């Protein structure tokens, strides 16, 4: 599916995220510890990319409240996220802060 309809893309991203979270809940008890760490890390990274893309589409659709919820959740847990993605999250959150005229949150993002 292309990007002709951003709302449909957002719906598909949300559905993919929900399916991944459900699969993650089901798989929690089935894996061995040593396999779990690396695989969980990759799955978390995939979910972070998915969530970032959701926030990006929300921004394009001017759904700033939804974008804010997603980006704030990502920002709260930004330490384990890959540096490249973390920077993209910070810039998008900073753009959102400026659009919403929220200088206090913008300063918190810049301080990171």
N, C-alpha and C. Protein backbone atom coordinates (compact mmCIF):
# COMPACT_ATOMS: atom_id res chain seq x y z
N UNK A 1 0.84 -1.18 0.00
CA UNK A 1 0.00 0.00 0.00
C UNK A 1 0.87 1.23 0.00
N UNK A 2 0.50 2.21 -0.79
CA UNK A 2 1.27 3.43 -0.90
C UNK A 2 0.85 4.45 0.14
N UNK A 3 1.25 5.68 -0.09
CA UNK A 3 0.94 6.75 0.85
C UNK A 3 -0.11 7.70 0.29
N UNK A 4 -0.94 7.21 -0.62
CA UNK A 4 -1.96 8.06 -1.21
C UNK A 4 -2.97 8.51 -0.15
N UNK A 5 -3.21 7.67 0.84
CA UNK A 5 -4.15 8.00 1.91
C UNK A 5 -3.43 7.90 3.25
N UNK A 6 -2.95 9.02 3.79
CA UNK A 6 -2.20 8.98 5.05
C UNK A 6 -3.01 8.42 6.22
N UNK A 7 -4.32 8.65 6.23
CA UNK A 7 -5.15 8.13 7.31
C UNK A 7 -5.17 6.60 7.28
N UNK A 8 -5.23 6.03 6.08
CA UNK A 8 -5.21 4.57 5.96
C UNK A 8 -3.84 4.03 6.38
N UNK A 9 -2.78 4.74 6.03
CA UNK A 9 -1.44 4.34 6.45
C UNK A 9 -1.34 4.35 7.98
N UNK A 10 -1.88 5.38 8.60
CA UNK A 10 -1.87 5.46 10.06
C UNK A 10 -2.65 4.29 10.66
N UNK A 11 -3.78 3.95 10.08
CA UNK A 11 -4.57 2.81 10.56
C UNK A 11 -3.77 1.52 10.44
N UNK A 12 -3.08 1.34 9.33
CA UNK A 12 -2.28 0.13 9.13
C UNK A 12 -1.11 0.07 10.11
N UNK A 13 -0.47 1.19 10.37
CA UNK A 13 0.63 1.23 11.34
C UNK A 13 0.12 0.90 12.74
N UNK A 14 -1.05 1.44 13.08
CA UNK A 14 -1.63 1.17 14.40
C UNK A 14 -1.98 -0.31 14.53
N UNK A 15 -2.55 -0.89 13.49
CA UNK A 15 -2.88 -2.31 13.51
C UNK A 15 -1.63 -3.17 13.64
N UNK A 16 -0.58 -2.80 12.91
CA UNK A 16 0.68 -3.55 12.98
C UNK A 16 1.26 -3.47 14.39
N UNK A 17 1.19 -2.29 15.00
CA UNK A 17 1.69 -2.10 16.36
C UNK A 17 0.89 -2.96 17.33
N UNK A 18 -0.43 -2.94 17.20
CA UNK A 18 -1.27 -3.73 18.09
C UNK A 18 -1.00 -5.23 17.96
N UNK A 19 -0.83 -5.70 16.72
CA UNK A 19 -0.53 -7.12 16.50
C UNK A 19 0.82 -7.49 17.12
N UNK A 20 1.81 -6.61 16.96
CA UNK A 20 3.15 -6.88 17.52
C UNK A 20 3.10 -6.93 19.04
N UNK A 21 2.33 -6.06 19.64
CA UNK A 21 2.22 -6.05 21.11
C UNK A 21 1.52 -7.31 21.61
N UNK A 22 0.48 -7.74 20.90
CA UNK A 22 -0.22 -8.96 21.28
C UNK A 22 0.70 -10.17 21.16
N UNK A 23 1.46 -10.24 20.06
CA UNK A 23 2.41 -11.34 19.85
C UNK A 23 3.46 -11.33 20.95
N UNK A 24 3.92 -10.14 21.32
CA UNK A 24 4.93 -10.00 22.37
C UNK A 24 4.40 -10.54 23.70
N UNK A 25 3.14 -10.24 24.00
CA UNK A 25 2.54 -10.73 25.25
C UNK A 25 2.45 -12.25 25.25
N UNK A 26 2.08 -12.83 24.12
CA UNK A 26 1.95 -14.29 24.03
C UNK A 26 3.30 -14.99 24.11
N UNK A 27 4.34 -14.38 23.54
CA UNK A 27 5.65 -15.02 23.47
C UNK A 27 6.48 -14.85 24.74
N UNK A 28 6.06 -14.04 25.67
CA UNK A 28 6.87 -13.73 26.85
C UNK A 28 7.34 -14.98 27.58
N UNK A 29 6.46 -15.93 27.79
CA UNK A 29 6.82 -17.09 28.59
C UNK A 29 7.41 -18.25 27.81
N UNK A 30 7.52 -18.15 26.50
CA UNK A 30 7.91 -19.30 25.68
C UNK A 30 9.39 -19.38 25.34
N UNK A 31 10.13 -18.31 25.51
CA UNK A 31 11.52 -18.29 25.04
C UNK A 31 12.52 -18.54 26.15
N UNK A 32 13.67 -19.02 25.75
CA UNK A 32 14.77 -19.19 26.70
C UNK A 32 15.37 -17.83 27.01
N UNK A 33 15.97 -17.71 28.15
CA UNK A 33 16.53 -16.42 28.60
C UNK A 33 17.59 -15.87 27.64
N UNK A 34 18.56 -16.67 27.21
CA UNK A 34 19.65 -16.15 26.39
C UNK A 34 19.16 -15.73 25.01
N UNK A 35 18.17 -16.41 24.47
CA UNK A 35 17.62 -16.00 23.18
C UNK A 35 16.75 -14.76 23.35
N UNK A 36 16.11 -14.66 24.47
CA UNK A 36 15.12 -13.62 24.69
C UNK A 36 15.72 -12.22 24.65
N UNK A 37 16.90 -12.04 25.23
CA UNK A 37 17.47 -10.70 25.33
C UNK A 37 17.68 -10.06 23.95
N UNK A 38 18.35 -10.75 23.05
CA UNK A 38 18.63 -10.16 21.73
C UNK A 38 17.36 -10.04 20.90
N UNK A 39 16.52 -11.05 20.95
CA UNK A 39 15.29 -11.01 20.15
C UNK A 39 14.35 -9.94 20.68
N UNK A 40 14.24 -9.81 21.98
CA UNK A 40 13.40 -8.78 22.57
C UNK A 40 13.91 -7.41 22.18
N UNK A 41 15.24 -7.24 22.18
CA UNK A 41 15.83 -5.96 21.79
C UNK A 41 15.44 -5.61 20.36
N UNK A 42 15.53 -6.58 19.45
CA UNK A 42 15.16 -6.32 18.05
C UNK A 42 13.68 -6.00 17.91
N UNK A 43 12.84 -6.74 18.65
CA UNK A 43 11.41 -6.48 18.59
C UNK A 43 11.08 -5.11 19.15
N UNK A 44 11.73 -4.72 20.24
CA UNK A 44 11.51 -3.40 20.81
C UNK A 44 11.94 -2.32 19.84
N UNK A 45 13.07 -2.54 19.17
CA UNK A 45 13.55 -1.57 18.19
C UNK A 45 12.56 -1.44 17.04
N UNK A 46 12.02 -2.56 16.58
CA UNK A 46 11.01 -2.53 15.52
C UNK A 46 9.77 -1.77 15.97
N UNK A 47 9.34 -2.00 17.20
CA UNK A 47 8.18 -1.29 17.73
C UNK A 47 8.45 0.20 17.85
N UNK A 48 9.67 0.56 18.23
CA UNK A 48 10.02 1.98 18.33
C UNK A 48 9.96 2.65 16.96
N UNK A 49 10.45 1.98 15.94
CA UNK A 49 10.39 2.52 14.57
C UNK A 49 8.93 2.65 14.14
N UNK A 50 8.14 1.65 14.45
CA UNK A 50 6.72 1.68 14.12
C UNK A 50 6.03 2.85 14.81
N UNK A 51 6.30 3.03 16.09
CA UNK A 51 5.70 4.14 16.85
C UNK A 51 6.16 5.49 16.31
N UNK A 52 7.43 5.61 15.96
CA UNK A 52 7.93 6.86 15.38
C UNK A 52 7.18 7.17 14.08
N UNK A 53 7.01 6.15 13.24
CA UNK A 53 6.30 6.36 11.98
C UNK A 53 4.84 6.75 12.22
N UNK A 54 4.23 6.18 13.24
CA UNK A 54 2.86 6.58 13.60
C UNK A 54 2.84 8.06 13.97
N UNK A 55 3.77 8.48 14.80
CA UNK A 55 3.82 9.88 15.23
C UNK A 55 4.05 10.81 14.03
N UNK A 56 4.91 10.39 13.13
CA UNK A 56 5.20 11.19 11.94
C UNK A 56 3.96 11.38 11.09
N UNK A 57 3.21 10.31 10.87
CA UNK A 57 1.97 10.41 10.08
C UNK A 57 0.94 11.27 10.83
N UNK A 58 0.86 11.11 12.16
CA UNK A 58 -0.04 11.96 12.94
C UNK A 58 0.30 13.44 12.77
N UNK A 59 1.58 13.74 12.77
CA UNK A 59 2.00 15.13 12.56
C UNK A 59 1.56 15.63 11.19
N UNK A 60 1.73 14.80 10.17
CA UNK A 60 1.33 15.20 8.82
C UNK A 60 -0.17 15.39 8.71
N UNK A 61 -0.93 14.62 9.49
CA UNK A 61 -2.39 14.74 9.49
C UNK A 61 -2.88 15.82 10.47
N UNK A 62 -1.93 16.49 11.10
CA UNK A 62 -2.20 17.52 12.11
C UNK A 62 -2.98 16.97 13.31
N UNK A 63 -2.71 15.72 13.64
CA UNK A 63 -3.28 15.11 14.85
C UNK A 63 -2.23 15.24 15.95
N UNK A 64 -2.03 16.48 16.38
CA UNK A 64 -0.93 16.78 17.29
C UNK A 64 -1.07 16.12 18.65
N UNK A 65 -2.29 15.97 19.14
CA UNK A 65 -2.47 15.34 20.45
C UNK A 65 -2.01 13.88 20.41
N UNK A 66 -2.39 13.16 19.37
CA UNK A 66 -1.99 11.76 19.23
C UNK A 66 -0.48 11.65 19.05
N UNK A 67 0.08 12.53 18.21
CA UNK A 67 1.53 12.54 17.99
C UNK A 67 2.26 12.80 19.31
N UNK A 68 1.72 13.71 20.09
CA UNK A 68 2.32 14.06 21.38
C UNK A 68 2.35 12.86 22.32
N UNK A 69 1.25 12.12 22.40
CA UNK A 69 1.20 10.93 23.26
C UNK A 69 2.27 9.92 22.87
N UNK A 70 2.38 9.66 21.57
CA UNK A 70 3.34 8.67 21.08
C UNK A 70 4.76 9.14 21.33
N UNK A 71 5.06 10.38 20.97
CA UNK A 71 6.43 10.90 21.10
C UNK A 71 6.86 11.02 22.56
N UNK A 72 5.94 11.42 23.43
CA UNK A 72 6.29 11.52 24.85
C UNK A 72 6.59 10.15 25.44
N UNK A 73 5.82 9.14 25.02
CA UNK A 73 6.08 7.77 25.48
C UNK A 73 7.47 7.31 25.00
N UNK A 74 7.78 7.58 23.74
CA UNK A 74 9.09 7.20 23.21
C UNK A 74 10.21 7.96 23.93
N UNK A 75 9.99 9.25 24.17
CA UNK A 75 11.01 10.08 24.81
C UNK A 75 11.28 9.64 26.25
N UNK A 76 10.23 9.21 26.95
CA UNK A 76 10.40 8.73 28.33
C UNK A 76 11.29 7.49 28.40
N UNK A 77 11.29 6.71 27.35
CA UNK A 77 12.07 5.47 27.30
C UNK A 77 13.14 5.54 26.21
N UNK A 78 13.78 6.68 26.07
CA UNK A 78 14.67 6.90 24.92
C UNK A 78 16.05 6.27 25.08
N UNK A 79 16.46 6.00 26.30
CA UNK A 79 17.83 5.50 26.54
C UNK A 79 18.18 4.24 25.74
N UNK A 80 17.32 3.20 25.72
CA UNK A 80 17.72 2.00 24.97
C UNK A 80 17.54 2.10 23.46
N UNK A 81 16.94 3.19 22.98
CA UNK A 81 16.66 3.34 21.55
C UNK A 81 17.94 3.69 20.81
N UNK A 82 18.07 3.13 19.61
CA UNK A 82 19.20 3.42 18.73
C UNK A 82 19.38 4.93 18.58
N UNK A 83 20.63 5.40 18.59
CA UNK A 83 20.92 6.83 18.57
C UNK A 83 20.29 7.56 17.38
N UNK A 84 20.36 6.97 16.20
CA UNK A 84 19.81 7.62 15.00
C UNK A 84 18.30 7.84 15.16
N UNK A 85 17.61 6.81 15.62
CA UNK A 85 16.16 6.94 15.82
C UNK A 85 15.87 7.90 16.97
N UNK A 86 16.66 7.85 18.01
CA UNK A 86 16.47 8.74 19.16
C UNK A 86 16.57 10.21 18.73
N UNK A 87 17.52 10.51 17.88
CA UNK A 87 17.67 11.89 17.39
C UNK A 87 16.44 12.29 16.57
N UNK A 88 15.96 11.38 15.72
CA UNK A 88 14.77 11.68 14.92
C UNK A 88 13.56 11.91 15.82
N UNK A 89 13.44 11.11 16.88
CA UNK A 89 12.34 11.28 17.83
C UNK A 89 12.44 12.65 18.49
N UNK A 90 13.65 13.01 18.90
CA UNK A 90 13.85 14.31 19.57
C UNK A 90 13.50 15.47 18.64
N UNK A 91 13.95 15.41 17.40
CA UNK A 91 13.65 16.50 16.47
C UNK A 91 12.15 16.61 16.19
N UNK A 92 11.47 15.48 16.04
CA UNK A 92 10.04 15.52 15.78
C UNK A 92 9.30 16.04 17.02
N UNK A 93 9.72 15.62 18.20
CA UNK A 93 9.11 16.11 19.43
C UNK A 93 9.38 17.60 19.60
N UNK A 94 10.57 18.03 19.26
CA UNK A 94 10.91 19.45 19.34
C UNK A 94 10.03 20.26 18.38
N UNK A 95 9.85 19.76 17.18
CA UNK A 95 8.96 20.44 16.22
C UNK A 95 7.54 20.54 16.77
N UNK A 96 7.08 19.46 17.39
CA UNK A 96 5.74 19.46 17.98
C UNK A 96 5.65 20.47 19.13
N UNK A 97 6.68 20.52 19.96
CA UNK A 97 6.70 21.49 21.07
C UNK A 97 6.61 22.92 20.54
N UNK A 98 7.33 23.19 19.47
CA UNK A 98 7.30 24.53 18.89
C UNK A 98 5.93 24.84 18.28
N UNK A 99 5.33 23.86 17.64
CA UNK A 99 3.99 24.06 17.07
C UNK A 99 2.96 24.32 18.17
N UNK A 100 3.12 23.65 19.29
CA UNK A 100 2.17 23.79 20.40
C UNK A 100 2.57 24.91 21.37
N UNK A 101 3.63 25.59 21.04
CA UNK A 101 4.14 26.69 21.88
C UNK A 101 4.35 26.24 23.33
N UNK A 102 5.14 25.17 23.47
CA UNK A 102 5.43 24.59 24.77
C UNK A 102 6.95 24.67 25.02
N UNK A 103 7.44 25.86 25.41
CA UNK A 103 8.89 26.03 25.55
C UNK A 103 9.52 25.18 26.65
N UNK A 104 8.76 24.87 27.71
CA UNK A 104 9.33 24.08 28.80
C UNK A 104 9.69 22.67 28.32
N UNK A 105 8.77 22.06 27.58
CA UNK A 105 9.05 20.72 27.07
C UNK A 105 10.15 20.79 26.01
N UNK A 106 10.16 21.84 25.21
CA UNK A 106 11.20 22.00 24.20
C UNK A 106 12.58 22.06 24.86
N UNK A 107 12.68 22.74 25.98
CA UNK A 107 13.95 22.81 26.71
C UNK A 107 14.37 21.44 27.23
N UNK A 108 13.40 20.65 27.69
CA UNK A 108 13.71 19.31 28.18
C UNK A 108 14.27 18.44 27.04
N UNK A 109 13.68 18.58 25.86
CA UNK A 109 14.15 17.82 24.72
C UNK A 109 15.54 18.28 24.31
N UNK A 110 15.74 19.58 24.29
CA UNK A 110 17.07 20.13 23.92
C UNK A 110 18.14 19.73 24.93
N UNK A 111 17.75 19.62 26.20
CA UNK A 111 18.72 19.25 27.24
C UNK A 111 19.20 17.82 27.05
N UNK A 112 18.40 16.97 26.41
CA UNK A 112 18.79 15.60 26.18
C UNK A 112 19.88 15.57 25.16
